[in-house]
Amino acid sequence: KNLITSEDSFLSAIISNLGNRMLRIILDPSLHDYSSGFFGARKQVLKELKVEGTFVDYCISLPYSAIIKGLKVAEVPMILTTRKHGKSKTSASLF
């Protein structure tokens, strides 16, 4: 979805969009969504990368660390919809 059709708040969508653009400039432009938090990896890879930290920490550092180590990193297209039930356990801790 884009900023116009997103069900998320406009501010939330802008922050996500700008944040990912900055991360692509600063870290590595081959990834488009550093904030998805959706990963798949072999157990050995996760041990090698020493996954630590909170949501924001590992969400950004995990794929970037893999790229730095020369591991294969690929994005799988997905559509993330707005939460229908419950509350986010991470967004409140970001601010």
C-alpha atoms as a PDB file:
ATOM      1  CA  LYS A   1       0.000   0.000   0.000  1.00  0.00           C
ATOM      2  CA  ASN A   2       1.076   3.568  -0.399  1.00  0.00           C
ATOM      3  CA  LEU A   3       0.777   6.591   1.885  1.00  0.00           C
ATOM      4  CA  ILE A   4      -2.596   7.571   0.431  1.00  0.00           C
ATOM      5  CA  THR A   5      -4.313   4.180   0.804  1.00  0.00           C
ATOM      6  CA  SER A   6      -2.627   3.052   4.037  1.00  0.00           C
ATOM      7  CA  GLU A   7      -4.894   2.260   6.984  1.00  0.00           C
ATOM      8  CA  ASP A   8      -2.156   3.393   9.366  1.00  0.00           C
ATOM      9  CA  SER A   9      -2.048   6.975  10.555  1.00  0.00           C
ATOM     10  CA  PHE A  10      -0.497   9.381   8.084  1.00  0.00           C
ATOM     11  CA  LEU A  11       2.258  10.242  10.588  1.00  0.00           C
ATOM     12  CA  SER A  12       3.078   6.566  11.134  1.00  0.00           C
ATOM     13  CA  ALA A  13       3.261   5.936   7.391  1.00  0.00           C
ATOM     14  CA  ILE A  14       5.486   9.003   6.847  1.00  0.00           C
ATOM     15  CA  ILE A  15       7.864   7.987   9.657  1.00  0.00           C
ATOM     16  CA  SER A  16       8.147   4.452   8.271  1.00  0.00           C
ATOM     17  CA  ASN A  17       8.686   5.654   4.719  1.00  0.00           C
ATOM     18  CA  LEU A  18      11.293   8.296   5.600  1.00  0.00           C
ATOM     19  CA  GLY A  19      13.037   5.992   8.064  1.00  0.00           C
ATOM     20  CA  ASN A  20      13.457   3.284   5.465  1.00  0.00           C
ATOM     21  CA  ARG A  21      14.707   5.787   2.890  1.00  0.00           C
ATOM     22  CA  MET A  22      17.334   7.052   5.337  1.00  0.00           C
ATOM     23  CA  LEU A  23      18.409   3.518   6.227  1.00  0.00           C
ATOM     24  CA  ARG A  24      18.816   2.633   2.543  1.00  0.00           C
ATOM     25  CA  ILE A  25      21.073   5.679   2.109  1.00  0.00           C
ATOM     26  CA  ILE A  26      23.100   5.101   5.289  1.00  0.00           C
ATOM     27  CA  LEU A  27      23.330   1.296   5.343  1.00  0.00           C
ATOM     28  CA  ASP A  28      22.589  -0.590   2.146  1.00  0.00           C
ATOM     29  CA  PRO A  29      20.253   0.311  -0.714  1.00  0.00           C
ATOM     30  CA  SER A  30      19.564  -3.314  -1.674  1.00  0.00           C
ATOM     31  CA  LEU A  31      16.922  -3.668   1.061  1.00  0.00           C
ATOM     32  CA  HIS A  32      13.718  -1.679   0.809  1.00  0.00           C
ATOM     33  CA  ASP A  33      12.005  -2.345   4.144  1.00  0.00           C
ATOM     34  CA  TYR A  34      14.335  -2.468   7.120  1.00  0.00           C
ATOM     35  CA  SER A  35      11.403  -2.150   9.519  1.00  0.00           C
ATOM     36  CA  SER A  36       9.222  -5.101   8.500  1.00  0.00           C
ATOM     37  CA  GLY A  37      10.514  -7.368  11.262  1.00  0.00           C
ATOM     38  CA  PHE A  38       9.687 -10.377   9.063  1.00  0.00           C
ATOM     39  CA  PHE A  39      12.708 -12.675   8.776  1.00  0.00           C
ATOM     40  CA  GLY A  40      13.541 -16.198   7.838  1.00  0.00           C
ATOM     41  CA  ALA A  41      16.974 -17.646   8.547  1.00  0.00           C
ATOM     42  CA  ARG A  42      18.798 -20.843   9.338  1.00  0.00           C
ATOM     43  CA  LYS A  43      19.519 -21.414  13.027  1.00  0.00           C
ATOM     44  CA  GLN A  44      23.273 -21.383  12.379  1.00  0.00           C
ATOM     45  CA  VAL A  45      23.036 -17.987  10.672  1.00  0.00           C
ATOM     46  CA  LEU A  46      21.207 -16.509  13.657  1.00  0.00           C
ATOM     47  CA  LYS A  47      23.869 -17.888  16.000  1.00  0.00           C
ATOM     48  CA  GLU A  48      26.618 -16.442  13.809  1.00  0.00           C
ATOM     49  CA  LEU A  49      24.973 -13.009  13.758  1.00  0.00           C
ATOM     50  CA  LYS A  50      24.360 -13.036  17.535  1.00  0.00           C
ATOM     51  CA  VAL A  51      20.834 -11.633  17.492  1.00  0.00           C
ATOM     52  CA  GLU A  52      20.389  -9.316  20.461  1.00  0.00           C
ATOM     53  CA  GLY A  53      18.443  -6.223  21.409  1.00  0.00           C
ATOM     54  CA  THR A  54      14.934  -4.885  21.166  1.00  0.00           C
ATOM     55  CA  PHE A  55      12.650  -4.868  18.135  1.00  0.00           C
ATOM     56  CA  VAL A  56      14.190  -1.801  16.543  1.00  0.00           C
ATOM     57  CA  ASP A  57      17.755  -2.985  17.186  1.00  0.00           C
ATOM     58  CA  TYR A  58      17.545  -6.421  15.604  1.00  0.00           C
ATOM     59  CA  CYS A  59      15.065  -5.373  12.951  1.00  0.00           C
ATOM     60  CA  ILE A  60      17.711  -3.136  11.418  1.00  0.00           C
ATOM     61  CA  SER A  61      20.951  -4.803  12.501  1.00  0.00           C
ATOM     62  CA  LEU A  62      20.062  -8.395  11.562  1.00  0.00           C
ATOM     63  CA  PRO A  63      19.753  -7.944   7.790  1.00  0.00           C
ATOM     64  CA  TYR A  64      22.558  -5.373   7.700  1.00  0.00           C
ATOM     65  CA  SER A  65      24.921  -7.661   9.634  1.00  0.00           C
ATOM     66  CA  ALA A  66      24.113 -10.488   7.233  1.00  0.00           C
ATOM     67  CA  ILE A  67      24.940  -8.261   4.249  1.00  0.00           C
ATOM     68  CA  ILE A  68      28.242  -7.166   5.838  1.00  0.00           C
ATOM     69  CA  LYS A  69      29.213 -10.821   6.417  1.00  0.00           C
ATOM     70  CA  GLY A  70      28.498 -11.642   2.783  1.00  0.00           C
ATOM     71  CA  LEU A  71      25.460 -13.808   3.512  1.00  0.00           C
ATOM     72  CA  LYS A  72      22.628 -14.059   1.020  1.00  0.00           C
ATOM     73  CA  VAL A  73      19.806 -11.661   1.890  1.00  0.00           C
ATOM     74  CA  ALA A  74      16.602 -11.466  -0.134  1.00  0.00           C
ATOM     75  CA  GLU A  75      13.321  -9.652   0.340  1.00  0.00           C
ATOM     76  CA  VAL A  76      10.091 -11.518  -0.205  1.00  0.00           C
ATOM     77  CA  PRO A  77       7.205  -9.287  -1.306  1.00  0.00           C
ATOM     78  CA  MET A  78       4.455  -9.087   1.294  1.00  0.00           C
ATOM     79  CA  ILE A  79       1.451  -6.984   2.125  1.00  0.00           C
ATOM     80  CA  LEU A  80       1.269  -5.974   5.757  1.00  0.00           C
ATOM     81  CA  THR A  81      -2.210  -5.060   6.901  1.00  0.00           C
ATOM     82  CA  THR A  82      -3.269  -3.000   9.881  1.00  0.00           C
ATOM     83  CA  ARG A  83      -3.761  -4.891  13.146  1.00  0.00           C
ATOM     84  CA  LYS A  84      -7.407  -5.905  13.629  1.00  0.00           C
ATOM     85  CA  HIS A  85      -7.196  -7.029  17.279  1.00  0.00           C
ATOM     86  CA  GLY A  86      -4.908  -6.387  20.228  1.00  0.00           C
ATOM     87  CA  LYS A  87      -2.205  -3.783  20.712  1.00  0.00           C
ATOM     88  CA  SER A  88       1.330  -3.435  19.440  1.00  0.00           C
ATOM     89  CA  LYS A  89       3.972  -4.463  21.941  1.00  0.00           C
ATOM     90  CA  THR A  90       6.674  -2.419  20.219  1.00  0.00           C
ATOM     91  CA  SER A  91       5.311   0.864  18.906  1.00  0.00           C
ATOM     92  CA  ALA A  92       4.699   2.385  22.347  1.00  0.00           C
ATOM     93  CA  SER A  93       8.309   1.717  23.325  1.00  0.00           C
ATOM     94  CA  LEU A  94       9.665   3.538  20.278  1.00  0.00           C
ATOM     95  CA  PHE A  95       8.790   7.016  21.516  1.00  0.00           C
END
